[in-house]
Amino acid sequence: MKIDWLVGGLVVLGHAAAAQSQNAEIRHGNRRLPGMLVTDKDGKKIIMVDNAAATEKEIPGVIIYIDSHSSVIRTTTEPVRVRPLSRPRPTAGPREKKRPDLSPPTATTTTTTTTLRRAHPAQKTKRPKPAAAAAAPARLAPAPPPPPPPTTFDQPSPPNITITGGTATGVTYSPYNPDGSCRSASQIASDFLRIAALQSPPFSVVRIYGVDCDQVSSSLAAADVIGVRLFLGLFSLDDLSAQLDTLITAVAASSRGWAAVDTVSVGNELVNNGQATAAQVVGAVAAARARLRAAGFGGPVVTVDTFLAVERNPALCDASDYCAVNVHPFFDGSVAAEEAGAFVARKVADVRAVLGDKGMRIVVTESGWPWQGNANGRAVPGRERQAAAVRSLVAVGNEGGLFLFSAFDDRWKKAEAWTYYAEPFWGMGSM
């Protein structure tokens, strides 16, 4: 279907037999934007997900229902609630890091066991092309109603996955308890010992995302024990100077100093999630690099974003000391667990194609598979499937580096329909 913005209202062209969720495209001026129409749980409102919206709002809408031959069946006037593409995140700290946005839905007729075909950025394989001036309404098959969430959220994490002959450079880690509180220094030390046992030979780098909870100091001490380096992160562009102060002070007080730091990232998926423009991130990377160089760090300074955001904004990699991208096959919907590695390889090739420096190092800074949640097309969570996906990822590998997501479950995150109720359950090990 097509959606055209009109003065004082919205025109929606949709199938008369519409279910609770439909893919859509939004045309706003000369821009072509992805979106989706869904009804809320009581069926009384139409919700439009729009990456051009800054805040949630309600507008009057003229709803035109058409049949498969594009003939008008009826017209109604209904309120339409417009929601931003990504949920706004609190600015308290990186514990809100992993809130995947709603990526452009794929125009597919593949039968799935889930709805809300709002997908992670990994879903898109090509940048959207400009819309034709007189494009006909696209007739996409409606998705089925959303299934209920899994009922086993309170079960313990699965047994550790032991990766033998592993090629993964590192693994991601967030130091929060299920209630969202900070893990203590002793808990973090214990977690790092478990991380050391996840892969043989062990990971060489552990990635963290922020500076809250004294996690830099605690992680540096824990890293000393198992002999790994850290991929440090500055979570947002807010109070960047203060975050740098915390990071630099913690490193200066550690036993190995900058020798224990592999990389420093300025932000994680900020452009993809609409939290900053590419120009703002590029400026922040330059400013952070200057501060870090003055403090004695000579290693890579980068920004991390999704492969889709980088394809659209190659300047993110141009400004970085290497290209850092998150690639999640699960959110594509057309990729089975055992195909995860091949999918990541294709996305890395797509990113390389848009880079000014074709020989630039590309590091996959997140990739993994959930062991619990609802299915997303061919992407089905499960313990065996998670193991299959991880085997595929490390078997294919990535020449520039690969970080598996994640070491442990993030039970402090909320299980929601738009992430297939899988968000807390990506851990490969048990705490």
Protein backbone atom coordinates (compact mmCIF):
# COMPACT_ATOMS: atom_id res chain seq x y z
CA MET A 1 0.00 0.00 0.00
CA LYS A 2 1.03 3.64 -0.32
CA ILE A 3 0.56 6.45 2.13
CA ASP A 4 0.49 10.07 0.99
CA TRP A 5 0.58 12.95 3.43
CA LEU A 6 -2.14 15.51 2.77
CA VAL A 7 -2.89 18.87 4.38
CA GLY A 8 -4.97 18.20 7.45
CA GLY A 9 -4.93 14.47 7.18
CA LEU A 10 -3.48 11.24 5.96
CA VAL A 11 -4.57 9.02 3.11
CA VAL A 12 -3.97 5.33 3.56
CA LEU A 13 -4.49 2.87 0.74
CA GLY A 14 -4.96 -0.56 2.24
CA HIS A 15 -6.59 -3.89 1.52
CA ALA A 16 -10.12 -4.24 2.70
CA ALA A 17 -9.27 -7.58 4.26
CA ALA A 18 -6.50 -6.01 6.28
CA ALA A 19 -5.35 -7.89 9.35
CA GLN A 20 -3.82 -6.30 12.43
CA SER A 21 -0.52 -5.52 10.72
CA GLN A 22 0.47 -4.38 7.24
CA ASN A 23 3.67 -3.28 5.63
CA ALA A 24 3.55 0.19 4.14
CA GLU A 25 5.53 2.93 2.52
CA ILE A 26 5.28 6.59 3.46
CA ARG A 27 5.77 9.36 0.96
CA HIS A 28 6.43 12.71 2.54
CA GLY A 29 7.33 15.32 -0.07
CA ASN A 30 10.10 13.86 -2.22
CA ARG A 31 11.19 11.41 0.46
CA ARG A 32 10.26 7.76 0.49
CA LEU A 33 10.15 6.33 3.98
CA PRO A 34 9.44 2.83 5.29
CA GLY A 35 6.69 2.28 7.80
CA MET A 36 3.92 0.02 8.99
CA LEU A 37 0.24 0.23 9.87
CA VAL A 38 -1.07 -1.80 12.77
CA THR A 39 -4.17 -1.68 14.92
CA ASP A 40 -3.82 -1.56 18.65
CA LYS A 41 -5.05 -4.34 20.89
CA ASP A 42 -8.65 -3.09 21.03
CA GLY A 43 -8.69 -2.59 17.27
CA LYS A 44 -9.87 1.00 17.53
CA LYS A 45 -6.85 2.85 16.26
CA ILE A 46 -4.46 2.68 13.40
CA ILE A 47 -0.84 3.14 14.36
CA MET A 48 1.69 4.28 11.80
CA VAL A 49 5.38 3.67 12.51
CA ASP A 50 7.35 6.42 10.81
CA ASN A 51 11.07 7.13 10.92
CA ALA A 52 10.39 10.80 10.12
CA ALA A 53 8.36 11.37 13.29
CA ALA A 54 10.22 12.94 16.20
CA THR A 55 7.54 12.26 18.81
CA GLU A 56 4.37 10.23 19.09
CA LYS A 57 1.25 12.12 18.04
CA GLU A 58 -2.29 11.60 16.81
CA ILE A 59 -3.58 13.07 13.54
CA PRO A 60 -6.86 12.77 11.62
CA GLY A 61 -6.73 10.25 8.81
CA VAL A 62 -8.80 9.42 5.76
CA ILE A 63 -8.62 5.66 5.30
CA ILE A 64 -9.34 4.42 1.77
CA TYR A 65 -9.81 0.67 1.47
CA ILE A 66 -9.10 -0.93 -1.90
CA ASP A 67 -9.45 -4.41 -3.30
CA SER A 68 -6.81 -6.47 -5.09
CA HIS A 69 -7.57 -4.54 -8.31
CA SER A 70 -6.99 -1.18 -6.60
CA SER A 71 -10.70 -0.33 -6.78
CA VAL A 72 -12.02 1.73 -3.87
CA ILE A 73 -14.40 -0.20 -1.62
CA ARG A 74 -15.07 2.30 1.16
CA THR A 75 -13.65 5.35 2.86
CA THR A 76 -13.59 6.10 6.59
CA THR A 77 -12.27 8.89 8.78
CA GLU A 78 -10.30 7.65 11.77
CA PRO A 79 -7.61 8.94 14.13
CA VAL A 80 -4.14 7.74 13.23
CA ARG A 81 -1.40 7.56 15.84
CA VAL A 82 2.07 8.26 14.46
CA ARG A 83 4.94 6.70 16.34
CA PRO A 84 8.67 7.28 15.81
CA LEU A 85 10.59 4.46 14.15
CA SER A 86 12.70 3.90 17.27
CA ARG A 87 11.43 4.20 20.81
CA PRO A 88 13.03 7.14 22.59
CA ARG A 89 15.63 5.97 25.05
CA PRO A 90 16.30 7.36 28.48
CA THR A 91 19.61 9.11 28.83
CA ALA A 92 20.49 7.58 32.19
CA GLY A 93 23.11 5.18 30.88
CA PRO A 94 24.03 2.29 28.62
CA ARG A 95 21.84 -0.24 30.35
CA GLU A 96 19.23 0.91 27.82
CA LYS A 97 21.71 0.12 25.05
CA LYS A 98 19.99 -2.75 23.39
CA ARG A 99 16.65 -1.44 22.23
CA PRO A 100 16.63 -2.44 18.55
CA ASP A 101 14.77 -0.02 16.36
CA LEU A 102 12.13 -0.90 13.85
CA SER A 103 13.83 -1.24 10.52
CA PRO A 104 12.08 -0.95 7.15
CA PRO A 105 9.88 -4.02 6.69
CA THR A 106 10.75 -6.37 3.88
CA ALA A 107 8.19 -6.66 1.08
CA THR A 108 7.79 -10.41 1.25
CA THR A 109 5.00 -12.91 1.09
CA THR A 110 6.88 -15.55 3.06
CA THR A 111 4.60 -17.09 5.67
CA THR A 112 5.79 -16.44 9.21
CA THR A 113 4.75 -17.42 12.71
CA THR A 114 5.00 -13.87 13.98
CA THR A 115 3.58 -10.47 13.21
CA LEU A 116 4.68 -6.90 13.49
CA ARG A 117 7.14 -7.34 10.65
CA ARG A 118 9.12 -4.53 12.15
CA ALA A 119 12.64 -5.70 11.77
CA HIS A 120 16.07 -4.98 12.97
CA PRO A 121 18.34 -3.06 10.57
CA ALA A 122 19.91 -6.34 9.56
CA GLN A 123 16.77 -7.05 7.59
CA LYS A 124 17.42 -4.67 4.73
CA THR A 125 19.81 -5.83 2.07
CA LYS A 126 19.65 -2.72 -0.09
CA ARG A 127 19.20 0.96 0.52
CA PRO A 128 15.71 2.10 -0.49
CA LYS A 129 15.46 3.62 -3.94
CA PRO A 130 13.63 6.90 -4.60
CA ALA A 131 9.93 6.32 -5.15
CA ALA A 132 8.54 6.70 -8.64
CA ALA A 133 6.26 9.70 -9.03
CA ALA A 134 3.26 7.61 -10.07
CA ALA A 135 3.96 4.35 -8.32
CA ALA A 136 0.98 2.08 -7.97
CA PRO A 137 -0.08 0.87 -4.53
CA ALA A 138 1.92 -2.17 -3.50
CA ARG A 139 -0.30 -5.05 -2.51
CA LEU A 140 1.44 -6.88 0.27
CA ALA A 141 0.10 -9.86 2.14
CA PRO A 142 -1.03 -8.91 5.66
CA ALA A 143 0.83 -10.52 8.52
CA PRO A 144 -1.04 -12.81 10.94
CA PRO A 145 -1.99 -11.65 14.46
CA PRO A 146 0.88 -11.59 16.96
CA PRO A 147 1.41 -14.80 18.91
CA PRO A 148 1.51 -14.66 22.69
CA PRO A 149 4.92 -14.25 24.31
CA PRO A 150 6.77 -17.35 25.48
CA THR A 151 5.78 -18.43 28.96
CA THR A 152 9.20 -19.51 30.19
CA PHE A 153 10.85 -16.16 30.86
CA ASP A 154 11.72 -17.15 34.40
CA GLN A 155 13.76 -20.22 33.51
CA PRO A 156 17.52 -20.08 34.07
CA SER A 157 19.95 -19.29 31.29
CA PRO A 158 20.98 -22.25 29.13
CA PRO A 159 24.20 -24.15 29.76
CA ASN A 160 27.36 -22.52 28.46
CA ILE A 161 28.14 -22.85 24.79
CA THR A 162 31.75 -23.88 24.37
CA ILE A 163 33.10 -22.69 21.04
CA THR A 164 35.97 -24.89 19.92
CA GLY A 165 38.38 -23.70 17.27
CA GLY A 166 36.74 -20.32 17.62
CA THR A 167 37.65 -17.44 15.36
CA ALA A 168 35.63 -14.78 17.20
CA THR A 169 37.79 -11.85 18.30
CA GLY A 170 35.64 -11.02 21.27
CA VAL A 171 32.30 -11.01 23.01
CA THR A 172 30.00 -8.29 24.33
CA TYR A 173 29.17 -7.85 28.01
CA SER A 174 26.85 -5.61 30.05
CA PRO A 175 27.36 -5.40 33.85
CA TYR A 176 23.75 -5.25 35.06
CA ASN A 177 21.65 -7.47 37.30
CA PRO A 178 18.17 -8.62 36.22
CA ASP A 179 16.63 -5.76 38.22
CA GLY A 180 18.80 -3.24 36.35
CA SER A 181 21.16 -2.57 39.24
CA CYS A 182 24.92 -2.53 38.79
CA ARG A 183 26.89 -5.72 39.20
CA SER A 184 29.60 -5.46 41.80
CA ALA A 185 33.33 -5.64 41.08
CA SER A 186 33.43 -9.20 42.43
CA GLN A 187 30.47 -10.22 40.25
CA ILE A 188 32.14 -8.71 37.19
CA ALA A 189 35.35 -10.60 38.02
CA SER A 190 33.36 -13.83 38.24
CA ASP A 191 31.61 -13.06 34.95
CA PHE A 192 34.96 -12.58 33.19
CA LEU A 193 36.14 -15.99 34.43
CA ARG A 194 33.05 -17.51 32.79
CA ILE A 195 33.73 -15.52 29.63
CA ALA A 196 37.21 -17.06 29.47
CA ALA A 197 35.60 -20.50 29.27
CA LEU A 198 33.16 -19.72 26.45
CA GLN A 199 35.62 -20.16 23.57
CA SER A 200 38.71 -22.24 23.01
CA PRO A 201 41.09 -20.62 22.30
CA PRO A 202 39.66 -17.81 24.47
CA PHE A 203 38.40 -14.46 23.25
CA SER A 204 41.07 -11.78 23.16
CA VAL A 205 38.76 -8.78 23.68
CA VAL A 206 35.63 -8.08 25.73
CA ARG A 207 33.36 -5.27 24.59
CA ILE A 208 31.51 -3.05 27.10
CA TYR A 209 29.27 -0.11 26.24
CA GLY A 210 29.53 2.65 28.84
CA VAL A 211 31.19 4.17 31.86
CA ASP A 212 28.41 3.93 34.46
CA CYS A 213 28.44 1.47 37.38
CA ASP A 214 32.23 1.90 37.64
CA GLN A 215 32.31 -0.72 34.89
CA VAL A 216 35.52 0.52 33.28
CA SER A 217 37.57 0.11 36.46
CA SER A 218 35.96 -3.21 37.39
CA SER A 219 36.26 -4.60 33.87
CA LEU A 220 39.91 -3.55 33.58
CA ALA A 221 40.72 -5.40 36.81
CA ALA A 222 38.78 -8.48 35.68
CA ALA A 223 40.44 -8.36 32.26
CA ASP A 224 43.86 -8.50 33.90
CA VAL A 225 42.99 -11.82 35.52
CA ILE A 226 42.00 -13.60 32.29
CA GLY A 227 44.46 -11.77 30.05
CA VAL A 228 42.10 -9.99 27.66
CA ARG A 229 41.85 -6.42 26.43
CA LEU A 230 38.75 -4.21 26.46
CA PHE A 231 36.72 -2.55 23.74
CA LEU A 232 35.47 0.48 25.69
CA GLY A 233 32.40 2.55 24.86
CA LEU A 234 31.02 6.05 25.33
CA PHE A 235 27.31 5.40 25.34
CA SER A 236 25.91 8.67 24.00
CA LEU A 237 26.93 12.12 22.85
CA ASP A 238 25.40 13.69 25.96
CA ASP A 239 28.04 14.81 28.46
CA LEU A 240 30.73 13.35 26.21
CA SER A 241 33.45 15.24 28.04
CA ALA A 242 32.35 13.86 31.42
CA GLN A 243 32.22 10.31 30.02
CA LEU A 244 35.74 10.75 28.67
CA ASP A 245 36.91 12.01 32.05
CA THR A 246 35.54 8.89 33.73
CA LEU A 247 37.06 6.57 31.15
CA ILE A 248 40.48 8.24 31.10
CA THR A 249 40.67 8.37 34.90
CA ALA A 250 39.79 4.67 35.22
CA VAL A 251 42.38 3.62 32.66
CA ALA A 252 45.07 5.78 34.24
CA ALA A 253 44.47 4.08 37.60
CA SER A 254 44.58 0.54 36.18
CA SER A 255 47.59 -1.75 36.24
CA ARG A 256 48.09 -1.98 32.47
CA GLY A 257 46.83 1.46 31.51
CA TRP A 258 46.14 1.96 27.80
CA ALA A 259 47.85 -1.34 26.97
CA ALA A 260 44.65 -3.03 28.18
CA VAL A 261 42.44 -1.07 25.75
CA ASP A 262 41.85 -2.38 22.24
CA THR A 263 39.38 0.23 20.95
CA VAL A 264 37.22 3.11 22.17
CA SER A 265 33.82 3.55 20.54
CA VAL A 266 31.85 6.80 20.49
CA GLY A 267 28.24 5.64 20.59
CA ASN A 268 26.45 2.48 19.54
CA GLU A 269 23.81 2.65 16.77
CA LEU A 270 23.19 6.35 17.39
CA VAL A 271 22.42 7.19 13.76
CA ASN A 272 20.36 4.07 13.20
CA ASN A 273 18.25 4.84 16.27
CA GLY A 274 17.79 8.50 15.40
CA GLN A 275 19.67 9.71 18.47
CA ALA A 276 22.19 11.71 16.44
CA THR A 277 22.94 12.67 12.86
CA ALA A 278 25.91 11.28 11.02
CA ALA A 279 27.53 14.74 11.10
CA GLN A 280 27.11 14.95 14.88
CA VAL A 281 28.67 11.52 15.36
CA VAL A 282 31.56 12.34 13.03
CA GLY A 283 32.26 15.50 15.03
CA ALA A 284 32.08 13.62 18.32
CA VAL A 285 34.51 10.95 17.09
CA ALA A 286 37.02 13.64 16.13
CA ALA A 287 36.65 15.40 19.49
CA ALA A 288 36.96 12.15 21.46
CA ARG A 289 39.99 11.06 19.47
CA ALA A 290 41.75 14.35 20.24
CA ARG A 291 41.07 13.93 23.98
CA LEU A 292 42.17 10.30 23.98
CA ARG A 293 45.35 11.02 22.04
CA ALA A 294 46.21 13.77 24.52
CA ALA A 295 45.65 11.26 27.34
CA GLY A 296 48.05 8.77 25.77
CA PHE A 297 45.78 6.39 23.88
CA GLY A 298 47.11 5.62 20.41
CA GLY A 299 44.66 2.86 19.48
CA PRO A 300 41.55 2.90 17.30
CA VAL A 301 38.71 5.34 17.96
CA VAL A 302 35.52 4.44 16.12
CA THR A 303 31.77 4.75 16.12
CA VAL A 304 29.60 1.64 15.92
CA ASP A 305 26.39 1.52 13.95
CA THR A 306 24.28 -0.99 12.06
CA PHE A 307 25.39 -2.06 8.63
CA LEU A 308 22.30 -0.40 7.18
CA ALA A 309 23.14 2.94 8.80
CA VAL A 310 26.70 2.70 7.49
CA GLU A 311 25.52 1.88 3.97
CA ARG A 312 23.49 5.07 4.06
CA ASN A 313 26.18 7.08 5.85
CA PRO A 314 29.67 5.88 4.84
CA ALA A 315 31.09 8.96 6.58
CA LEU A 316 30.65 7.07 9.85
CA CYS A 317 33.41 4.72 8.76
CA ASP A 318 35.43 7.45 7.06
CA ALA A 319 35.65 9.18 10.46
CA SER A 320 36.63 5.98 12.28
CA ASP A 321 39.99 4.25 12.49
CA TYR A 322 38.24 1.14 11.19
CA CYS A 323 34.67 0.42 10.12
CA ALA A 324 32.62 -0.99 13.02
CA VAL A 325 29.20 -2.49 12.23
CA ASN A 326 26.57 -4.52 14.07
CA VAL A 327 24.99 -7.29 11.97
CA HIS A 328 22.14 -9.42 13.37
CA PRO A 329 20.86 -12.15 11.02
CA PHE A 330 17.95 -13.02 13.34
CA PHE A 331 16.16 -9.76 12.59
CA ASP A 332 16.25 -10.32 8.84
CA GLY A 333 13.51 -12.94 8.98
CA SER A 334 14.72 -14.84 5.91
CA VAL A 335 17.85 -16.33 7.48
CA ALA A 336 17.94 -19.64 9.34
CA ALA A 337 20.35 -20.12 12.22
CA GLU A 338 22.85 -22.20 10.26
CA GLU A 339 23.01 -19.45 7.60
CA ALA A 340 24.04 -16.72 10.03
CA GLY A 341 27.70 -16.67 9.06
CA ALA A 342 27.00 -16.40 5.33
CA PHE A 343 24.54 -13.57 5.96
CA VAL A 344 27.12 -11.60 7.93
CA ALA A 345 29.68 -12.13 5.18
CA ARG A 346 27.26 -10.72 2.60
CA LYS A 347 26.52 -7.67 4.72
CA VAL A 348 30.22 -6.98 5.25
CA ALA A 349 30.67 -7.10 1.47
CA ASP A 350 27.76 -4.68 1.03
CA VAL A 351 29.34 -2.27 3.49
CA ARG A 352 32.71 -2.49 1.79
CA ALA A 353 31.10 -1.59 -1.52
CA VAL A 354 30.07 1.86 -0.22
CA LEU A 355 33.33 2.74 1.54
CA GLY A 356 35.66 5.28 0.02
CA ASP A 357 38.61 3.16 1.17
CA LYS A 358 37.81 -0.31 -0.18
CA GLY A 359 40.69 -1.78 1.79
CA MET A 360 39.49 -0.45 5.15
CA ARG A 361 39.31 -2.95 8.00
CA ILE A 362 35.71 -3.88 8.85
CA VAL A 363 34.92 -5.30 12.29
CA VAL A 364 31.57 -6.91 13.08
CA THR A 365 31.03 -5.55 16.58
CA GLU A 366 27.81 -7.49 17.34
CA SER A 367 26.32 -10.67 15.93
CA GLY A 368 24.53 -13.53 17.62
CA TRP A 369 21.25 -15.42 18.01
CA PRO A 370 18.62 -15.62 20.78
CA TRP A 371 17.89 -18.90 22.51
CA GLN A 372 14.34 -17.92 23.50
CA GLY A 373 11.55 -15.83 22.01
CA ASN A 374 9.14 -15.94 19.10
CA ALA A 375 10.05 -16.86 15.55
CA ASN A 376 10.77 -14.20 12.93
CA GLY A 377 10.07 -16.04 9.70
CA ARG A 378 12.87 -18.55 9.17
CA ALA A 379 14.74 -17.13 12.14
CA VAL A 380 13.68 -19.26 15.08
CA PRO A 381 15.08 -18.93 18.61
CA GLY A 382 16.22 -21.99 20.52
CA ARG A 383 19.20 -23.41 22.34
CA GLU A 384 20.24 -25.72 19.52
CA ARG A 385 19.61 -22.99 16.96
CA GLN A 386 21.68 -20.52 18.93
CA ALA A 387 24.53 -23.03 18.99
CA ALA A 388 24.11 -23.60 15.23
CA ALA A 389 24.18 -19.86 14.55
CA VAL A 390 27.28 -19.33 16.66
CA ARG A 391 29.02 -22.25 14.93
CA SER A 392 28.13 -20.70 11.58
CA LEU A 393 29.38 -17.27 12.62
CA VAL A 394 32.75 -18.49 13.86
CA ALA A 395 33.16 -20.94 10.97
CA VAL A 396 32.74 -18.20 8.38
CA GLY A 397 34.41 -15.63 10.59
CA ASN A 398 35.35 -12.14 9.48
CA GLU A 399 38.85 -11.16 8.50
CA GLY A 400 38.64 -7.81 10.28
CA GLY A 401 37.25 -9.20 13.52
CA LEU A 402 34.00 -10.57 14.98
CA PHE A 403 32.33 -9.92 18.35
CA LEU A 404 29.63 -12.34 19.45
CA PHE A 405 26.52 -10.94 21.14
CA SER A 406 26.42 -11.64 23.99
CA ALA A 407 28.26 -13.31 26.84
CA PHE A 408 25.20 -13.57 29.12
CA ASP A 409 21.49 -12.89 29.06
CA ASP A 410 20.43 -9.30 29.62
CA ARG A 411 17.48 -10.00 31.93
CA TRP A 412 17.21 -6.30 32.73
CA LYS A 413 15.84 -5.75 29.23
CA LYS A 414 12.14 -6.01 28.47
CA ALA A 415 10.72 -8.79 26.32
CA GLU A 416 8.45 -7.13 23.77
CA ALA A 417 6.58 -8.08 20.61
CA TRP A 418 8.60 -5.81 18.37
CA THR A 419 11.79 -7.72 19.24
CA TYR A 420 9.98 -11.08 19.14
CA TYR A 421 10.11 -11.37 22.94
CA ALA A 422 13.75 -12.40 22.51
CA GLU A 423 15.59 -9.29 23.69
CA PRO A 424 16.70 -10.55 27.12
CA PHE A 425 17.78 -13.97 25.83
CA TRP A 426 20.88 -13.66 23.65
CA GLY A 427 23.38 -14.89 26.25
CA MET A 428 25.69 -17.77 25.41
CA GLY A 429 26.66 -18.42 29.03
CA SER A 430 24.97 -18.48 32.43
CA MET A 431 25.69 -16.02 35.22
